[in-house]
Amino acid sequence: MIEPIDKKTSDLRVSPAQHLHGDFLVAGVTGAFGVRVREEQFLTMVSLRVPVGSADRDRLAQILGAELPARCGEVATGHDVVVMWLSPDEYLVISQSVAGSTLASYLRAGVSEGAAAVVDLSANRTTLRLEGPSAQAVLEKGCPLDLHPRTFATGTAFATNIGRVPVLLWKVDTDSYRILPRASYADYLGRWLIDAMAEFKVLGSG
């Protein structure tokens, strides 16, 4: 069993988009044109690189509770974690309940010395959650991916750009997306999303 985050120490942290939380609330739109954005703070993110065909992959699957994703866009769900495909030998392991140092230690215990790489990247990115009937239309203003459901299925994730910012875009449910930019882009991308949502606030009030 992977140990959960110690809440006593986590309360002292400041997230990359914390200063925008009030602006996010004001920008939210309700009704038929609804869309809202918020920051999901402090998700654990651990980079995992393991060679294709390595015996380590079976050991890691036991630790994670899921096989490593096999193809672009695939996201696997395991024990308190999800595993996102980044390349044939690279993955991002994400958790809402397990500390980065703890998760990284468990993963390192499952790999051979020198054959794989495990790095805690939790401070490297943040997560913006965009939801609502107009969420896809907001993203289409600055994302080159084909976001139609027949192409971008629920439960898949891809590396792309939004407003020229490199992100991982994860469709977690119908009309609900997690956007993972690097922390240094959090302010810019947060404000870009607020601006892109403004049109729907006008439509919703009409």
Protein backbone atom coordinates (compact mmCIF):
# COMPACT_ATOMS: atom_id res chain seq x y z
CA MET A 1 0.00 0.00 0.00
CA ILE A 2 1.47 3.36 -1.02
CA GLU A 3 1.36 5.86 1.85
CA PRO A 4 -0.80 9.02 1.41
CA ILE A 5 0.38 12.62 1.51
CA ASP A 6 1.09 14.13 4.95
CA LYS A 7 -1.50 16.95 5.14
CA LYS A 8 0.46 18.78 7.89
CA THR A 9 3.26 19.76 5.52
CA SER A 10 1.13 20.13 2.36
CA ASP A 11 -0.83 23.06 3.87
CA LEU A 12 2.26 25.33 3.66
CA ARG A 13 2.62 25.17 -0.11
CA VAL A 14 1.65 27.90 -2.60
CA SER A 15 0.46 26.73 -6.02
CA PRO A 16 1.55 28.34 -9.32
CA ALA A 17 -1.93 29.72 -10.10
CA GLN A 18 -3.12 30.41 -6.56
CA HIS A 19 -3.17 34.17 -7.20
CA LEU A 20 -5.73 33.61 -9.98
CA HIS A 21 -8.29 31.65 -7.97
CA GLY A 22 -10.54 34.68 -7.45
CA ASP A 23 -10.32 35.61 -11.14
CA PHE A 24 -11.24 32.04 -12.08
CA LEU A 25 -14.40 32.24 -9.96
CA VAL A 26 -15.44 35.57 -11.51
CA ALA A 27 -14.83 34.24 -15.04
CA GLY A 28 -17.08 31.20 -14.58
CA VAL A 29 -20.15 30.91 -16.79
CA THR A 30 -23.34 29.00 -15.94
CA GLY A 31 -26.20 27.73 -18.05
CA ALA A 32 -26.26 26.37 -21.58
CA PHE A 33 -22.98 28.13 -22.47
CA GLY A 34 -21.39 27.23 -19.15
CA VAL A 35 -17.65 26.92 -18.65
CA ARG A 36 -15.44 27.24 -15.60
CA VAL A 37 -11.79 26.84 -14.76
CA ARG A 38 -10.00 26.10 -11.51
CA GLU A 39 -6.60 24.95 -10.40
CA GLU A 40 -6.24 21.44 -9.03
CA GLN A 41 -3.39 22.05 -6.66
CA PHE A 42 -0.37 19.89 -5.94
CA LEU A 43 -1.05 16.76 -7.94
CA THR A 44 1.92 14.43 -7.64
CA MET A 45 3.68 13.89 -10.97
CA VAL A 46 6.56 11.46 -11.39
CA SER A 47 8.41 10.92 -14.65
CA LEU A 48 9.14 7.28 -15.44
CA ARG A 49 11.39 6.07 -18.23
CA VAL A 50 11.81 2.33 -18.74
CA PRO A 51 13.08 0.56 -21.87
CA VAL A 52 10.63 -1.27 -24.10
CA GLY A 53 10.89 -5.01 -23.41
CA SER A 54 12.48 -4.54 -19.98
CA ALA A 55 11.57 -6.99 -17.21
CA ASP A 56 11.13 -3.93 -15.01
CA ARG A 57 7.83 -3.24 -16.73
CA ASP A 58 6.17 -6.26 -15.08
CA ARG A 59 7.43 -5.24 -11.63
CA LEU A 60 6.25 -1.66 -12.16
CA ALA A 61 2.82 -2.90 -13.25
CA GLN A 62 2.49 -4.72 -9.92
CA ILE A 63 3.49 -1.60 -7.97
CA LEU A 64 1.20 0.68 -9.96
CA GLY A 65 -1.72 -1.71 -10.25
CA ALA A 66 -1.84 -1.20 -14.02
CA GLU A 67 0.12 -2.12 -17.12
CA LEU A 68 2.15 0.71 -18.60
CA PRO A 69 0.22 2.34 -21.49
CA ALA A 70 1.13 0.92 -24.88
CA ARG A 71 0.18 3.68 -27.32
CA CYS A 72 -0.06 7.43 -27.83
CA GLY A 73 -2.98 8.97 -25.96
CA GLU A 74 -3.51 6.04 -23.61
CA VAL A 75 -3.96 6.63 -19.87
CA ALA A 76 -3.97 3.66 -17.47
CA THR A 77 -5.62 3.69 -14.03
CA GLY A 78 -3.99 1.88 -11.11
CA HIS A 79 -3.74 2.01 -7.29
CA ASP A 80 -4.29 5.72 -6.44
CA VAL A 81 -2.43 6.65 -9.63
CA VAL A 82 -2.92 7.15 -13.34
CA VAL A 83 -0.16 6.55 -15.87
CA MET A 84 0.00 8.73 -18.98
CA TRP A 85 1.84 7.67 -22.17
CA LEU A 86 4.41 10.25 -23.33
CA SER A 87 6.56 8.11 -25.65
CA PRO A 88 7.26 4.37 -26.11
CA ASP A 89 9.58 4.38 -23.07
CA GLU A 90 8.39 7.45 -21.14
CA TYR A 91 5.37 7.93 -18.87
CA LEU A 92 3.97 10.43 -16.39
CA VAL A 93 2.60 8.90 -13.19
CA ILE A 94 0.01 11.16 -11.51
CA SER A 95 -1.60 10.89 -8.09
CA GLN A 96 -3.90 13.06 -5.99
CA SER A 97 -3.20 11.20 -2.75
CA VAL A 98 0.43 10.02 -2.74
CA ALA A 99 3.40 12.32 -2.13
CA GLY A 100 5.93 12.66 -4.94
CA SER A 101 8.90 11.49 -2.88
CA THR A 102 6.95 8.45 -1.67
CA LEU A 103 5.73 7.48 -5.13
CA ALA A 104 9.20 7.95 -6.62
CA SER A 105 10.69 5.69 -3.92
CA TYR A 106 8.20 2.92 -4.64
CA LEU A 107 8.89 3.14 -8.37
CA ARG A 108 12.67 3.12 -7.90
CA ALA A 109 12.28 -0.08 -5.90
CA GLY A 110 10.78 -1.70 -8.99
CA VAL A 111 13.50 -0.86 -11.51
CA SER A 112 16.98 -2.19 -12.15
CA GLU A 113 19.88 0.11 -11.39
CA GLY A 114 20.85 2.11 -14.46
CA ALA A 115 18.09 0.63 -16.61
CA ALA A 116 15.35 3.17 -15.89
CA ALA A 117 14.85 6.71 -14.64
CA VAL A 118 12.40 7.92 -11.99
CA VAL A 119 12.16 11.67 -11.26
CA ASP A 120 9.69 13.54 -9.06
CA LEU A 121 8.39 16.39 -11.23
CA SER A 122 5.53 17.50 -8.97
CA ALA A 123 6.82 21.09 -8.77
CA ASN A 124 7.42 21.23 -12.51
CA ARG A 125 3.77 21.46 -13.59
CA THR A 126 0.37 22.48 -12.29
CA THR A 127 -3.11 21.34 -13.32
CA LEU A 128 -5.94 23.52 -14.59
CA ARG A 129 -9.39 21.92 -14.76
CA LEU A 130 -11.65 23.26 -17.51
CA GLU A 131 -15.27 22.09 -17.45
CA GLY A 132 -18.68 22.85 -18.90
CA PRO A 133 -20.64 22.69 -22.18
CA SER A 134 -18.40 25.37 -23.75
CA ALA A 135 -15.08 23.87 -22.59
CA GLN A 136 -14.29 22.32 -25.98
CA ALA A 137 -15.09 25.59 -27.77
CA VAL A 138 -12.76 27.48 -25.42
CA LEU A 139 -9.92 25.06 -26.15
CA GLU A 140 -10.54 25.24 -29.89
CA LYS A 141 -9.59 28.92 -29.82
CA GLY A 142 -5.97 28.00 -29.24
CA CYS A 143 -5.43 24.23 -29.51
CA PRO A 144 -4.48 22.58 -32.83
CA LEU A 145 -5.76 19.13 -31.85
CA ASP A 146 -8.98 17.78 -33.34
CA LEU A 147 -11.08 17.88 -30.16
CA HIS A 148 -14.19 16.24 -31.61
CA PRO A 149 -15.23 13.29 -29.39
CA ARG A 150 -14.81 10.83 -32.26
CA THR A 151 -11.08 11.74 -32.30
CA PHE A 152 -10.36 12.87 -28.75
CA ALA A 153 -12.02 10.24 -26.58
CA THR A 154 -12.72 10.49 -22.88
CA GLY A 155 -9.86 8.97 -20.89
CA THR A 156 -7.12 9.90 -23.35
CA ALA A 157 -4.35 12.51 -23.13
CA PHE A 158 -2.01 14.13 -25.65
CA ALA A 159 0.88 16.57 -25.71
CA THR A 160 -0.20 19.71 -27.55
CA ASN A 161 -0.28 23.51 -27.29
CA ILE A 162 -2.94 25.88 -25.96
CA GLY A 163 -2.39 29.54 -26.74
CA ARG A 164 1.15 28.58 -27.84
CA VAL A 165 1.86 27.08 -24.40
CA PRO A 166 3.09 23.45 -24.41
CA VAL A 167 0.73 21.34 -22.30
CA LEU A 168 -0.53 17.85 -21.68
CA LEU A 169 -4.26 17.83 -22.39
CA TRP A 170 -6.23 15.07 -20.68
CA LYS A 171 -9.94 14.55 -21.34
CA VAL A 172 -11.17 13.12 -18.05
CA ASP A 173 -14.91 13.18 -18.78
CA THR A 174 -17.46 14.61 -21.21
CA ASP A 175 -16.89 18.40 -21.23
CA SER A 176 -14.14 18.09 -18.60
CA TYR A 177 -10.41 18.48 -19.22
CA ARG A 178 -7.24 18.58 -17.18
CA ILE A 179 -4.61 20.89 -18.65
CA LEU A 180 -1.04 20.36 -17.43
CA PRO A 181 1.29 23.29 -18.24
CA ARG A 182 4.71 23.85 -16.75
CA ALA A 183 4.46 25.94 -13.59
CA SER A 184 6.17 28.93 -15.21
CA TYR A 185 3.31 29.14 -17.75
CA ALA A 186 0.50 28.93 -15.17
CA ASP A 187 -0.15 32.68 -14.99
CA TYR A 188 -0.12 33.21 -18.76
CA LEU A 189 -2.28 30.20 -19.56
CA GLY A 190 -4.71 30.93 -16.73
CA ARG A 191 -5.26 34.45 -18.04
CA TRP A 192 -5.52 33.14 -21.62
CA LEU A 193 -8.32 30.79 -20.56
CA ILE A 194 -10.14 33.58 -18.71
CA ASP A 195 -9.99 35.72 -21.86
CA ALA A 196 -11.17 32.83 -24.06
CA MET A 197 -14.12 32.24 -21.73
CA ALA A 198 -15.34 35.85 -21.82
CA GLU A 199 -17.34 35.37 -25.04
CA PHE A 200 -19.50 32.71 -23.39
CA LYS A 201 -20.25 34.93 -20.42
CA VAL A 202 -21.74 37.45 -22.84
CA LEU A 203 -23.72 34.72 -24.65
CA GLY A 204 -24.95 33.31 -21.35
CA SER A 205 -26.25 36.69 -20.19
CA GLY A 206 -28.06 37.43 -23.45
